[in-house]
Amino acid sequence: MDSTAETAIGQLAALQEVDRFLREKSELIRGLETEIAAIEAQLAERREMARVAQVERDAVEARRRDLEAHLEAEEAKMTDRRMRLNRVRNEKELQALRREIEVSKELNQQVEEGLLGVFESLEGLNATATEAEKRLTELETVAATELAEKRERIAALIAEGASKRAARDEMAKALDGNLRRKYEQIFERRGGTAVVEVRNGTCLGCHMNLPPQFFNELQRARDVRSCPNCHRILFWRPERLEPEATPR
């Protein structure tokens, strides 16, 4: 292979190593971000559960206060009615007042029954709200540590990538623009492998045998060649003697 082409291939291979490093770091970051999002979603769900339990409990608690206030007001009215019994002037007023008292007693009994039901509901709602708050607190404690560790790891990965990215940009600038763009397209399309070696006439990217004439031309090539099967950029090292690769 011509020295110019060999130099370009060497530069591409070096660039590929850096790009693989950056790709690996980016994938790790994305994975950590996904894990963070899952933890935050779980936290949001637990917080919503705790909020709903609190709202339901508060609504029933407000109902309890209303019923107790109603009973208290009715008790005051009953006391007033009983006092009025001593001041009744005729039978008609007496019967009317007694009827008011009976109706009030019936209503109060209904309210008391309703209040008992409210107390039973509150018992269950208090237990549910307490358990929801407990589970939320436990999750928040664990999540705080996990989130801090994952975000710290992301920051470290970003820092590692930043130091390599500057070097990567300098390496890319040294390449021919068309060749660099071709390499970058293949790198993205082929899962991070754009430059591969040929051994015993076989492309180690797709493990397909190269046509004999193409392989012969590759050994004498004065330019950069691509695999006719997978279109990855090829390089050949005549000094390496390797076992024949198994094609697929």
Protein backbone atom coordinates (compact mmCIF):
# COMPACT_ATOMS: atom_id res chain seq x y z
CA MET A 1 0.00 0.00 0.00
CA ASP A 2 1.24 3.50 -0.87
CA SER A 3 2.78 5.37 2.08
CA THR A 4 0.33 8.27 1.69
CA ALA A 5 -2.66 5.95 1.85
CA GLU A 6 -1.04 4.05 4.71
CA THR A 7 -0.57 7.31 6.62
CA ALA A 8 -4.22 8.26 6.08
CA ILE A 9 -5.34 4.79 7.22
CA GLY A 10 -3.18 5.07 10.31
CA GLN A 11 -4.71 8.44 11.13
CA LEU A 12 -8.20 7.04 10.64
CA ALA A 13 -7.43 4.03 12.84
CA ALA A 14 -6.14 6.33 15.59
CA LEU A 15 -9.20 8.54 15.21
CA GLN A 16 -11.42 5.48 15.42
CA GLU A 17 -9.88 4.49 18.76
CA VAL A 18 -10.64 7.92 20.17
CA ASP A 19 -14.16 7.89 18.72
CA ARG A 20 -14.80 4.49 20.24
CA PHE A 21 -13.66 5.79 23.58
CA LEU A 22 -15.99 8.79 23.28
CA ARG A 23 -18.82 6.57 22.06
CA GLU A 24 -18.38 4.26 25.04
CA LYS A 25 -18.46 7.20 27.44
CA SER A 26 -21.56 8.62 25.74
CA GLU A 27 -23.34 5.26 26.01
CA LEU A 28 -22.43 5.03 29.69
CA ILE A 29 -23.78 8.54 30.23
CA ARG A 30 -27.02 7.72 28.42
CA GLY A 31 -27.39 4.58 30.51
CA LEU A 32 -26.86 6.52 33.73
CA GLU A 33 -29.30 9.21 32.60
CA THR A 34 -31.89 6.50 31.90
CA GLU A 35 -31.34 5.08 35.38
CA ILE A 36 -31.67 8.56 36.91
CA ALA A 37 -34.89 9.15 34.98
CA ALA A 38 -36.27 5.82 36.26
CA ILE A 39 -35.44 6.70 39.86
CA GLU A 40 -36.95 10.17 39.51
CA ALA A 41 -40.09 8.65 37.93
CA GLN A 42 -40.39 6.24 40.85
CA LEU A 43 -39.96 9.13 43.27
CA ALA A 44 -42.62 11.13 41.46
CA GLU A 45 -44.99 8.16 41.61
CA ARG A 46 -44.41 7.67 45.35
CA ARG A 47 -44.86 11.39 45.99
CA GLU A 48 -48.12 11.37 44.06
CA MET A 49 -49.33 8.36 46.04
CA ALA A 50 -48.46 10.12 49.30
CA ARG A 51 -50.15 13.31 48.10
CA VAL A 52 -53.34 11.52 47.09
CA ALA A 53 -53.45 9.66 50.40
CA GLN A 54 -53.00 12.96 52.24
CA VAL A 55 -55.72 14.67 50.19
CA GLU A 56 -58.17 11.84 50.81
CA ARG A 57 -57.40 11.85 54.53
CA ASP A 58 -57.73 15.64 54.74
CA ALA A 59 -61.09 15.53 52.94
CA VAL A 60 -62.49 12.99 55.40
CA GLU A 61 -60.94 14.89 58.30
CA ALA A 62 -62.71 18.03 57.11
CA ARG A 63 -65.94 16.03 56.92
CA ARG A 64 -65.39 14.89 60.51
CA ARG A 65 -64.94 18.45 61.71
CA ASP A 66 -68.10 19.53 59.88
CA LEU A 67 -70.16 16.74 61.43
CA GLU A 68 -68.83 17.42 64.91
CA ALA A 69 -69.54 21.13 64.49
CA HIS A 70 -73.05 20.25 63.32
CA LEU A 71 -73.61 18.02 66.37
CA GLU A 72 -72.30 20.69 68.69
CA ALA A 73 -74.64 23.26 67.17
CA GLU A 74 -77.60 20.86 67.41
CA GLU A 75 -76.79 20.09 71.03
CA ALA A 76 -76.96 23.81 71.78
CA LYS A 77 -80.32 23.99 70.02
CA MET A 78 -81.58 20.96 71.96
CA THR A 79 -80.60 22.61 75.22
CA ASP A 80 -82.49 25.71 74.17
CA ARG A 81 -85.56 23.67 73.21
CA ARG A 82 -85.60 21.86 76.55
CA MET A 83 -85.41 25.18 78.37
CA ARG A 84 -88.29 26.45 76.27
CA LEU A 85 -90.44 23.52 77.42
CA ASN A 86 -90.70 25.20 80.81
CA ARG A 87 -92.05 28.34 79.21
CA VAL A 88 -94.68 26.80 76.92
CA ARG A 89 -98.10 28.55 77.25
CA ASN A 90 -100.40 26.02 75.58
CA GLU A 91 -100.68 22.44 74.35
CA LYS A 92 -100.22 23.41 70.72
CA GLU A 93 -96.85 25.04 71.37
CA LEU A 94 -95.86 22.07 73.53
CA GLN A 95 -96.63 19.55 70.79
CA ALA A 96 -94.77 21.61 68.18
CA LEU A 97 -91.72 21.94 70.40
CA ARG A 98 -91.72 18.25 71.24
CA ARG A 99 -91.91 17.51 67.51
CA GLU A 100 -88.87 19.72 66.89
CA ILE A 101 -86.98 17.86 69.59
CA GLU A 102 -87.86 14.45 68.10
CA VAL A 103 -86.87 15.52 64.60
CA SER A 104 -83.62 16.95 65.94
CA LYS A 105 -82.87 13.72 67.79
CA GLU A 106 -83.43 11.68 64.62
CA LEU A 107 -81.18 13.96 62.62
CA ASN A 108 -78.50 13.91 65.30
CA GLN A 109 -78.64 10.12 65.39
CA GLN A 110 -78.07 10.04 61.63
CA VAL A 111 -75.16 12.46 61.99
CA GLU A 112 -73.65 10.36 64.79
CA GLU A 113 -73.91 7.23 62.64
CA GLY A 114 -72.28 9.11 59.79
CA LEU A 115 -69.58 10.28 62.16
CA LEU A 116 -68.85 6.71 63.22
CA GLY A 117 -68.41 5.80 59.56
CA VAL A 118 -66.08 8.78 59.14
CA PHE A 119 -63.97 7.64 62.11
CA GLU A 120 -63.69 4.15 60.59
CA SER A 121 -62.66 5.64 57.25
CA LEU A 122 -60.14 7.89 58.94
CA GLU A 123 -58.53 4.93 60.65
CA GLY A 124 -57.87 3.27 57.32
CA LEU A 125 -56.89 6.50 55.57
CA ASN A 126 -54.47 7.44 58.36
CA ALA A 127 -52.81 4.03 58.04
CA THR A 128 -52.61 4.38 54.24
CA ALA A 129 -51.20 7.93 54.42
CA THR A 130 -48.68 6.96 57.09
CA GLU A 131 -47.51 3.98 55.08
CA ALA A 132 -47.26 6.09 51.91
CA GLU A 133 -45.19 8.70 53.73
CA LYS A 134 -42.96 6.00 55.21
CA ARG A 135 -42.34 4.38 51.83
CA LEU A 136 -41.66 7.77 50.27
CA THR A 137 -39.16 8.68 52.98
CA GLU A 138 -37.37 5.34 52.61
CA LEU A 139 -37.16 5.72 48.85
CA GLU A 140 -35.98 9.34 49.09
CA THR A 141 -33.19 8.29 51.45
CA VAL A 142 -31.96 5.55 49.13
CA ALA A 143 -32.56 7.57 45.95
CA ALA A 144 -30.62 10.57 47.24
CA THR A 145 -27.46 8.46 47.54
CA GLU A 146 -27.99 6.68 44.21
CA LEU A 147 -28.74 9.88 42.33
CA ALA A 148 -25.71 11.63 43.80
CA GLU A 149 -23.43 8.73 42.82
CA LYS A 150 -24.83 8.52 39.29
CA ARG A 151 -24.59 12.27 38.72
CA GLU A 152 -21.04 12.27 40.05
CA ARG A 153 -20.20 9.44 37.66
CA ILE A 154 -21.75 11.35 34.76
CA ALA A 155 -19.68 14.42 35.62
CA ALA A 156 -16.52 12.28 35.66
CA LEU A 157 -17.39 10.71 32.30
CA ILE A 158 -18.06 14.12 30.78
CA ALA A 159 -14.69 15.33 32.04
CA GLU A 160 -12.95 12.26 30.58
CA GLY A 161 -14.69 12.83 27.27
CA ALA A 162 -13.85 16.53 27.19
CA SER A 163 -10.12 15.86 27.43
CA LYS A 164 -10.29 13.35 24.59
CA ARG A 165 -12.63 15.42 22.45
CA ALA A 166 -10.11 18.23 22.08
CA ALA A 167 -7.49 15.75 20.88
CA ARG A 168 -10.05 14.16 18.58
CA ASP A 169 -10.80 17.50 16.93
CA GLU A 170 -7.12 18.05 16.23
CA MET A 171 -6.77 14.56 14.73
CA ALA A 172 -9.81 15.12 12.52
CA LYS A 173 -8.44 18.41 11.22
CA ALA A 174 -5.36 16.64 9.92
CA LEU A 175 -7.46 14.42 7.63
CA ASP A 176 -8.77 15.15 4.16
CA GLY A 177 -12.30 16.54 4.54
CA ASN A 178 -13.97 14.07 2.18
CA LEU A 179 -12.19 11.12 3.76
CA ARG A 180 -13.14 12.30 7.24
CA ARG A 181 -16.79 12.65 6.31
CA LYS A 182 -16.80 9.22 4.70
CA TYR A 183 -15.22 7.73 7.82
CA GLU A 184 -17.72 9.46 10.13
CA GLN A 185 -20.70 8.22 8.10
CA ILE A 186 -19.44 4.65 8.17
CA PHE A 187 -18.58 4.89 11.87
CA GLU A 188 -22.17 5.85 12.71
CA ARG A 189 -23.79 3.35 10.36
CA ARG A 190 -21.56 0.44 11.32
CA GLY A 191 -21.73 0.66 15.08
CA GLY A 192 -18.39 2.28 15.70
CA THR A 193 -16.25 0.23 13.30
CA ALA A 194 -15.28 2.12 10.18
CA VAL A 195 -11.66 1.02 9.68
CA VAL A 196 -10.87 -2.72 9.59
CA GLU A 197 -7.98 -4.94 8.71
CA VAL A 198 -7.80 -7.44 5.88
CA ARG A 199 -6.25 -10.81 6.73
CA ASN A 200 -5.71 -13.59 4.25
CA GLY A 201 -8.02 -11.86 1.81
CA THR A 202 -10.85 -11.56 4.33
CA CYS A 203 -12.43 -8.34 5.61
CA LEU A 204 -12.47 -8.54 9.40
CA GLY A 205 -15.45 -6.17 9.50
CA CYS A 206 -17.98 -8.41 7.73
CA HIS A 207 -15.81 -11.59 7.58
CA MET A 208 -16.44 -11.91 3.86
CA ASN A 209 -13.73 -12.95 1.41
CA LEU A 210 -12.65 -10.17 -0.88
CA PRO A 211 -12.58 -10.83 -4.63
CA PRO A 212 -9.02 -11.97 -5.51
CA GLN A 213 -8.47 -9.17 -7.99
CA PHE A 214 -9.70 -6.58 -5.49
CA PHE A 215 -7.37 -7.98 -2.83
CA ASN A 216 -4.43 -7.84 -5.20
CA GLU A 217 -5.27 -4.22 -6.04
CA LEU A 218 -5.61 -3.39 -2.35
CA GLN A 219 -2.05 -4.55 -1.73
CA ARG A 220 -0.79 -2.21 -4.45
CA ALA A 221 -3.31 0.58 -3.84
CA ARG A 222 -2.17 4.17 -3.78
CA ASP A 223 -5.49 5.31 -2.33
CA VAL A 224 -7.92 4.35 0.41
CA ARG A 225 -10.13 1.38 -0.46
CA SER A 226 -13.45 0.20 1.01
CA CYS A 227 -14.82 -3.31 1.41
CA PRO A 228 -17.22 -4.05 -1.47
CA ASN A 229 -19.47 -5.94 0.97
CA CYS A 230 -19.73 -3.80 4.13
CA HIS A 231 -18.14 -0.60 2.75
CA ARG A 232 -15.80 -0.22 5.71
CA ILE A 233 -12.40 1.32 5.06
CA LEU A 234 -9.75 -1.38 4.66
CA PHE A 235 -6.12 -1.62 5.56
CA TRP A 236 -3.67 -4.46 4.88
CA ARG A 237 -0.43 -5.26 6.66
CA PRO A 238 1.80 -7.49 4.56
CA GLU A 239 4.17 -8.18 7.43
CA ARG A 240 1.43 -9.86 9.56
CA LEU A 241 0.90 -13.57 9.12
CA GLU A 242 -2.40 -14.52 10.74
CA PRO A 243 -4.56 -17.68 10.68
CA GLU A 244 -7.24 -17.61 8.05
CA ALA A 245 -10.43 -15.98 9.30
CA THR A 246 -13.66 -17.94 9.12
CA PRO A 247 -15.99 -16.18 6.65
CA ARG A 248 -19.65 -15.69 7.37
